[in-house]
Amino acid sequence: MISSGKRRFWIATHEDWIRPSLKSEVFSFMGDFFKNSNCKLVCFTNKVLQHQHIQYIPLAQSERLWKEAHAILTFAPQETSMKEIHSKSLLQGIPVITDDEGDHSYYVNHLYTGYVVDLKKWRQNLLSAVEMMVKEPSAWLTMRANAKRMGKIHWGKWDGEV
């Protein structure tokens, strides 16, 4: 079981940030993984979806809530650019868990501003990323500070909608 003490640790994602070929598998894996833990995956969507351990939130609330996430998760299709989403997240000091395809790891420095997952071993890598962030709060806080620092250096004060 993953526990972050009394603190609830949550990871945000968006229905478009997970490639269709992996979506149900990732959500099922994360739901099972977070069962009996203080962790939660929050997915912003306009669809009516249900999974026991995943909270689905309407897109209209995403702009306000994504900034409160402990991390964001993106496994978008290779041809989908994630630079804007990642840069906005890093600017807010939100570490990014992403894959190693396309431009997805362009701004995300592995173990510095987030976690880059090898898609061939995504389950194992995703488990390692979340466990590290939850069980080693100092590593997560360092990533958060690094993300914010990198964001300020590269983008200054960009505070747009996700």
Protein backbone atom coordinates (compact mmCIF):
# COMPACT_ATOMS: atom_id res chain seq x y z
CA MET A 1 0.00 0.00 0.00
CA ILE A 2 1.16 3.50 -0.76
CA SER A 3 0.67 5.95 2.03
CA SER A 4 1.61 9.56 2.33
CA GLY A 5 0.73 9.73 6.00
CA LYS A 6 -2.35 11.87 6.57
CA ARG A 7 -1.69 13.94 3.45
CA ARG A 8 -3.76 13.05 0.38
CA PHE A 9 -1.56 12.81 -2.69
CA TRP A 10 -3.29 13.28 -6.01
CA ILE A 11 -2.28 13.15 -9.62
CA ALA A 12 -4.23 15.01 -12.29
CA THR A 13 -4.75 13.95 -15.86
CA HIS A 14 -7.11 14.84 -18.69
CA GLU A 15 -9.03 12.53 -20.98
CA ASP A 16 -6.93 13.79 -23.92
CA TRP A 17 -3.60 13.41 -22.13
CA ILE A 18 -3.71 9.60 -22.21
CA ARG A 19 -3.44 7.88 -25.61
CA PRO A 20 -6.62 6.00 -26.56
CA SER A 21 -4.77 2.68 -26.88
CA LEU A 22 -3.70 2.87 -23.21
CA LYS A 23 -6.53 4.83 -21.60
CA SER A 24 -8.65 2.04 -20.10
CA GLU A 25 -5.57 0.06 -19.10
CA VAL A 26 -3.90 3.06 -17.42
CA PHE A 27 -7.08 4.04 -15.57
CA SER A 28 -7.68 0.46 -14.44
CA PHE A 29 -4.05 0.06 -13.34
CA MET A 30 -4.04 3.37 -11.46
CA GLY A 31 -7.39 2.64 -9.83
CA ASP A 32 -6.16 -0.74 -8.59
CA PHE A 33 -2.81 0.75 -7.62
CA PHE A 34 -4.43 3.50 -5.52
CA LYS A 35 -6.90 1.19 -3.81
CA ASN A 36 -6.44 1.37 -0.03
CA SER A 37 -4.11 4.33 -0.23
CA ASN A 38 -4.10 8.07 0.37
CA CYS A 39 -3.53 8.58 -3.34
CA LYS A 40 -6.04 9.43 -6.03
CA LEU A 41 -6.01 9.92 -9.77
CA VAL A 42 -8.21 12.83 -10.83
CA CYS A 43 -9.27 12.92 -14.47
CA PHE A 44 -10.75 16.03 -16.07
CA THR A 45 -13.39 15.06 -18.62
CA ASN A 46 -16.82 15.94 -19.97
CA LYS A 47 -17.72 12.27 -20.31
CA VAL A 48 -19.65 10.33 -17.72
CA LEU A 49 -17.12 7.75 -16.55
CA GLN A 50 -16.82 5.71 -13.42
CA HIS A 51 -14.02 3.84 -11.77
CA GLN A 52 -13.94 3.10 -8.09
CA HIS A 53 -10.61 4.77 -7.30
CA ILE A 54 -10.51 7.51 -9.91
CA GLN A 55 -12.31 10.79 -9.47
CA TYR A 56 -13.73 12.28 -12.64
CA ILE A 57 -14.19 16.05 -12.62
CA PRO A 58 -15.92 18.16 -15.29
CA LEU A 59 -13.58 20.07 -17.60
CA ALA A 60 -15.15 23.35 -16.47
CA GLN A 61 -13.49 22.87 -13.07
CA SER A 62 -10.10 21.85 -14.45
CA GLU A 63 -8.63 25.34 -14.79
CA ARG A 64 -9.04 25.97 -11.07
CA LEU A 65 -8.17 22.50 -9.80
CA TRP A 66 -5.19 21.35 -11.89
CA LYS A 67 -2.91 23.84 -10.11
CA GLU A 68 -3.54 21.99 -6.83
CA ALA A 69 -2.33 18.61 -8.12
CA HIS A 70 0.80 17.04 -6.67
CA ALA A 71 1.74 15.84 -10.17
CA ILE A 72 0.23 15.52 -13.62
CA LEU A 73 0.21 12.41 -15.77
CA THR A 74 0.44 12.53 -19.57
CA PHE A 75 0.77 9.54 -21.90
CA ALA A 76 -0.61 11.28 -25.00
CA PRO A 77 -0.19 9.93 -28.54
CA GLN A 78 3.33 10.49 -29.87
CA GLU A 79 2.13 13.02 -32.46
CA THR A 80 0.35 15.12 -29.80
CA SER A 81 2.56 17.91 -28.49
CA MET A 82 2.56 18.22 -24.72
CA LYS A 83 4.95 21.20 -24.54
CA GLU A 84 2.24 23.70 -23.57
CA ILE A 85 0.69 21.50 -20.87
CA HIS A 86 4.07 20.54 -19.45
CA SER A 87 5.43 24.08 -19.46
CA LYS A 88 2.33 25.45 -17.69
CA SER A 89 2.51 22.67 -15.11
CA LEU A 90 6.20 23.18 -14.46
CA LEU A 91 5.65 26.92 -14.12
CA GLN A 92 3.14 26.15 -11.35
CA GLY A 93 5.71 23.86 -9.70
CA ILE A 94 3.81 20.69 -10.58
CA PRO A 95 6.08 17.75 -11.44
CA VAL A 96 5.13 15.91 -14.63
CA ILE A 97 4.98 12.15 -15.14
CA THR A 98 5.16 11.55 -18.89
CA ASP A 99 6.34 9.10 -21.51
CA ASP A 100 9.48 9.12 -23.63
CA GLU A 101 7.84 9.56 -27.06
CA GLY A 102 7.40 12.62 -29.27
CA ASP A 103 8.12 15.91 -27.53
CA HIS A 104 6.71 14.65 -24.24
CA SER A 105 10.01 14.67 -22.38
CA TYR A 106 11.20 17.93 -23.98
CA TYR A 107 10.76 20.04 -20.82
CA VAL A 108 10.61 17.21 -18.30
CA ASN A 109 14.02 16.30 -16.94
CA HIS A 110 13.89 12.81 -15.43
CA LEU A 111 14.07 12.95 -11.62
CA TYR A 112 14.69 16.72 -11.77
CA THR A 113 11.32 18.23 -12.79
CA GLY A 114 9.36 15.01 -13.12
CA TYR A 115 9.55 11.41 -14.18
CA VAL A 116 9.99 10.16 -17.75
CA VAL A 117 8.43 6.73 -18.23
CA ASP A 118 9.65 4.17 -20.75
CA LEU A 119 6.37 3.17 -22.42
CA LYS A 120 7.63 -0.39 -22.92
CA LYS A 121 7.70 -0.69 -19.11
CA TRP A 122 5.01 1.87 -18.26
CA ARG A 123 3.42 -0.07 -15.37
CA GLN A 124 6.70 -0.62 -13.55
CA ASN A 125 7.93 2.93 -14.26
CA LEU A 126 4.63 4.55 -13.27
CA LEU A 127 4.57 2.57 -10.04
CA SER A 128 8.15 3.67 -9.29
CA ALA A 129 7.34 7.31 -10.06
CA VAL A 130 4.32 7.48 -7.78
CA GLU A 131 5.96 5.50 -4.98
CA MET A 132 9.00 7.78 -5.07
CA MET A 133 6.89 10.95 -4.99
CA VAL A 134 4.69 9.68 -2.15
CA LYS A 135 7.20 7.79 0.00
CA GLU A 136 10.02 10.31 -0.41
CA PRO A 137 8.38 13.70 0.14
CA SER A 138 11.76 15.46 0.04
CA ALA A 139 12.36 14.14 -3.50
CA TRP A 140 8.88 15.30 -4.56
CA LEU A 141 9.41 18.73 -2.93
CA THR A 142 12.77 19.07 -4.68
CA MET A 143 11.16 18.20 -8.04
CA ARG A 144 8.45 20.75 -7.32
CA ALA A 145 11.00 23.47 -6.56
CA ASN A 146 13.06 22.53 -9.63
CA ALA A 147 9.94 22.61 -11.82
CA LYS A 148 8.95 26.06 -10.58
CA ARG A 149 12.51 27.37 -10.99
CA MET A 150 12.74 26.00 -14.53
CA GLY A 151 9.32 27.43 -15.33
CA LYS A 152 10.26 30.90 -14.15
CA ILE A 153 13.52 30.85 -16.08
CA HIS A 154 11.91 29.74 -19.34
CA TRP A 155 8.42 31.23 -19.28
CA GLY A 156 8.22 33.94 -16.63
CA LYS A 157 4.62 34.64 -15.64
CA TRP A 158 2.43 32.54 -17.90
CA ASP A 159 -0.82 31.73 -16.15
CA GLY A 160 -3.20 30.49 -18.83
CA GLU A 161 -5.84 27.82 -19.01
CA VAL A 162 -4.77 24.20 -19.30
